Amino acid sequence: WSSDVCSSDLRTQKHTLPNMSVVGIDFGNKNGVIAQASRGGVDCVLNENSKRLNEWMVSFQGKARSCGAQAASIARSNYKNTITSMKRLIGRQFDEPEVQAELKQWCHFKASKCPDGTVGVDINYDGETVVVSITHALGMMIKKMCQISADATQGMGVAEAVISVPAYFTEAQRRACLDACKIAELNCLRLMHEPTAVALSYGIFKSVKSEFDETKPKHVMFIDVGEATFSATVVSYVTGKLYVKSCKFDADLGGRDFDYAIAQSVAAKFQAKHKEDPWQYPKSAMKLLAQCEKAKKDLSPHGVKETTVFIECLVGDYDWSQKLTLDDYEGLIAPLLERMKAPVLGALEEAGVAAADLDSVELTGGTTRIAAVKRLLATTLGRDGPPPLYGLQTTMNADEACSRGCALQAAILSTRFRVKDFSIFDRVHQPVRLSWDQATNGDAAAATGGDDAEDEDGEGDGTDAGAATSITIFEAGSETPKTRRITFRRGEEFTIAAAYDVAGGAVVPEGVDPKLGTFTISGMPKGNTDRIRVLVKHSLDRKSTRLNSSHPRYL
């Protein structure tokens, strides 16, 4: 979660350590972008192929390791030793149903279960089988992104970074991302929610033009359709501030599902004619999906009515060629389009904002370039406009907005820049509930409070909670970051358990344990038979965005 901290307009100013840079990294499932904050603003960095999009994959051949564009060039021929889908697998348990579905449908490497239950990949490294965890693979890719930044700036190293993650990421996924940063020896200032990063990028751009009012909020909906995820977020702006009002998502809906819809149709026709199933051969499946993605892009611009799907040697010596009309294509993706309505309408309901009150609807993510997607979203929101945008807006670069927002947040948090004030108020997407032991020598009297009313020493007003043994410490929809306090009256050691509050609205994937951790509170003064006041602070960590419980204070 983001913090209510100072931000800048495009006129940032560096004042220390000029030989180091701060960057923002957009952690994508298929592609990633790195943006660098500098004296003149924020720029996306070009890789060795002079492209801003970097393929998010790692490949091994012998003792050589390739990342990004280099890995993509050999991915098809070396698919058994190429790690992909890191965003979908990071921090997940191997036995989770969603993980098994991901591995079966989208991954061509051999996966195995690591000792800690997470996903590992069996890699042939110099003739020996080595298991590489997804966390280590992500660390390799982050290191590659830092190297791209260093090469683009004549060796200027990356000192600090902010990395984007989806708002629905669990505690385990966030910790795995931070572990990957440690492996890459990168100081990660914060894991920032993707829609919040996009909102910050938009807010800074509009603030330069003085388009926000001090009292009247401006409501903007950001719709992001990436390679594997769909999200709809409502943000309100006033001068110098942004408030995330709601965020709804479909974690299993993205551009690759559009490719797969076309590929299923093509594969069925191919099998009917040649009696061969392309899905049974990894290289054939990869070739099929690549050409169907190309067909999708060909049919995305307004006015294009037809394209040709041609695949040379799809299976064996069998080529395949067919016409794909726009009507047929939109018929194939109709169920996917229908799924976009629920998150959009849910975001409006949660924010308490009517579609007619939205000042703008901004599109990001490569899949929003599909004409049918724009029409569906415009119809759902009641927007009336001519093609190709149908009343929607594309103020920002669809591929770069997230990385630019992360770079701005990195400049905000870093001591290397002086920035202008711009406060960010994110929201709690996953409510957290605490429970604790009942006192053995009488009921525990607990007090909660101190949201943002306490000072650095933890002082602040509390509210008596009586003899309760559990409480939702961070409620869904409340502002974050925040610190909450609970005061106990105890004379002996006790434990506090933290878990996602599923009953309170937490969305936990199937097979994921909602428990976050258990904290043991000990060290009470010996020989004291009376119960004493023990104050325990709980915070959504301002640096790492993780749940954190500090050491208790005895009062």
Foldseek 3Di string as FASTA:
>chain_A
DAFFFFFFFQQWDFDDDPLAWEWEWEDDQFWIWIWTQDRRGIDIFAFPVRDRTWGQKWFADAQDIDGTPVCVVCCLVRQQGMDGRLLVFALDFCPFPSNVVCCLPPHDYDWDADPVRGIWTFHCHNNDTDTHGSLQSLLVHVLVNQVSVCVRVVRRGYAEFEYEHALQDDQSRLVSNVSSCVSNVHHYQEHHYQVLLLVQLVVSNVLVVVPFAQPDWAKEWEWEAAAAKTKIWIWIDHRQEIETQFMFIDRGAHDLVLLVLVLVVQQVVVCVVPVDGLSVDSSLVVQSSVLSSVQQVQQQAPPDFKDKRWGQCSDHRDIDIDMDTPVNSCVSCVVSLVVNLVNNVVNCVSSVHQLVRHPAYEYAYPVCSGQVNQVSVCVSSVQDDDPDNRRHDHPDHRNCSSRSSRNRSRQRPDPRIDHGRHTYWYWNAWWKKKFKDAAPVDAKWKWKDPFPQADPVRDDDTHIPGRDGMDRNGAGSHTDFTKMKMKIFHDAKMKMWMFTDVVRPRDDRGPDGRTDDMDIAHDHDPPDPGTWIKMKMWTCDNRYRHTDIDHIDTD
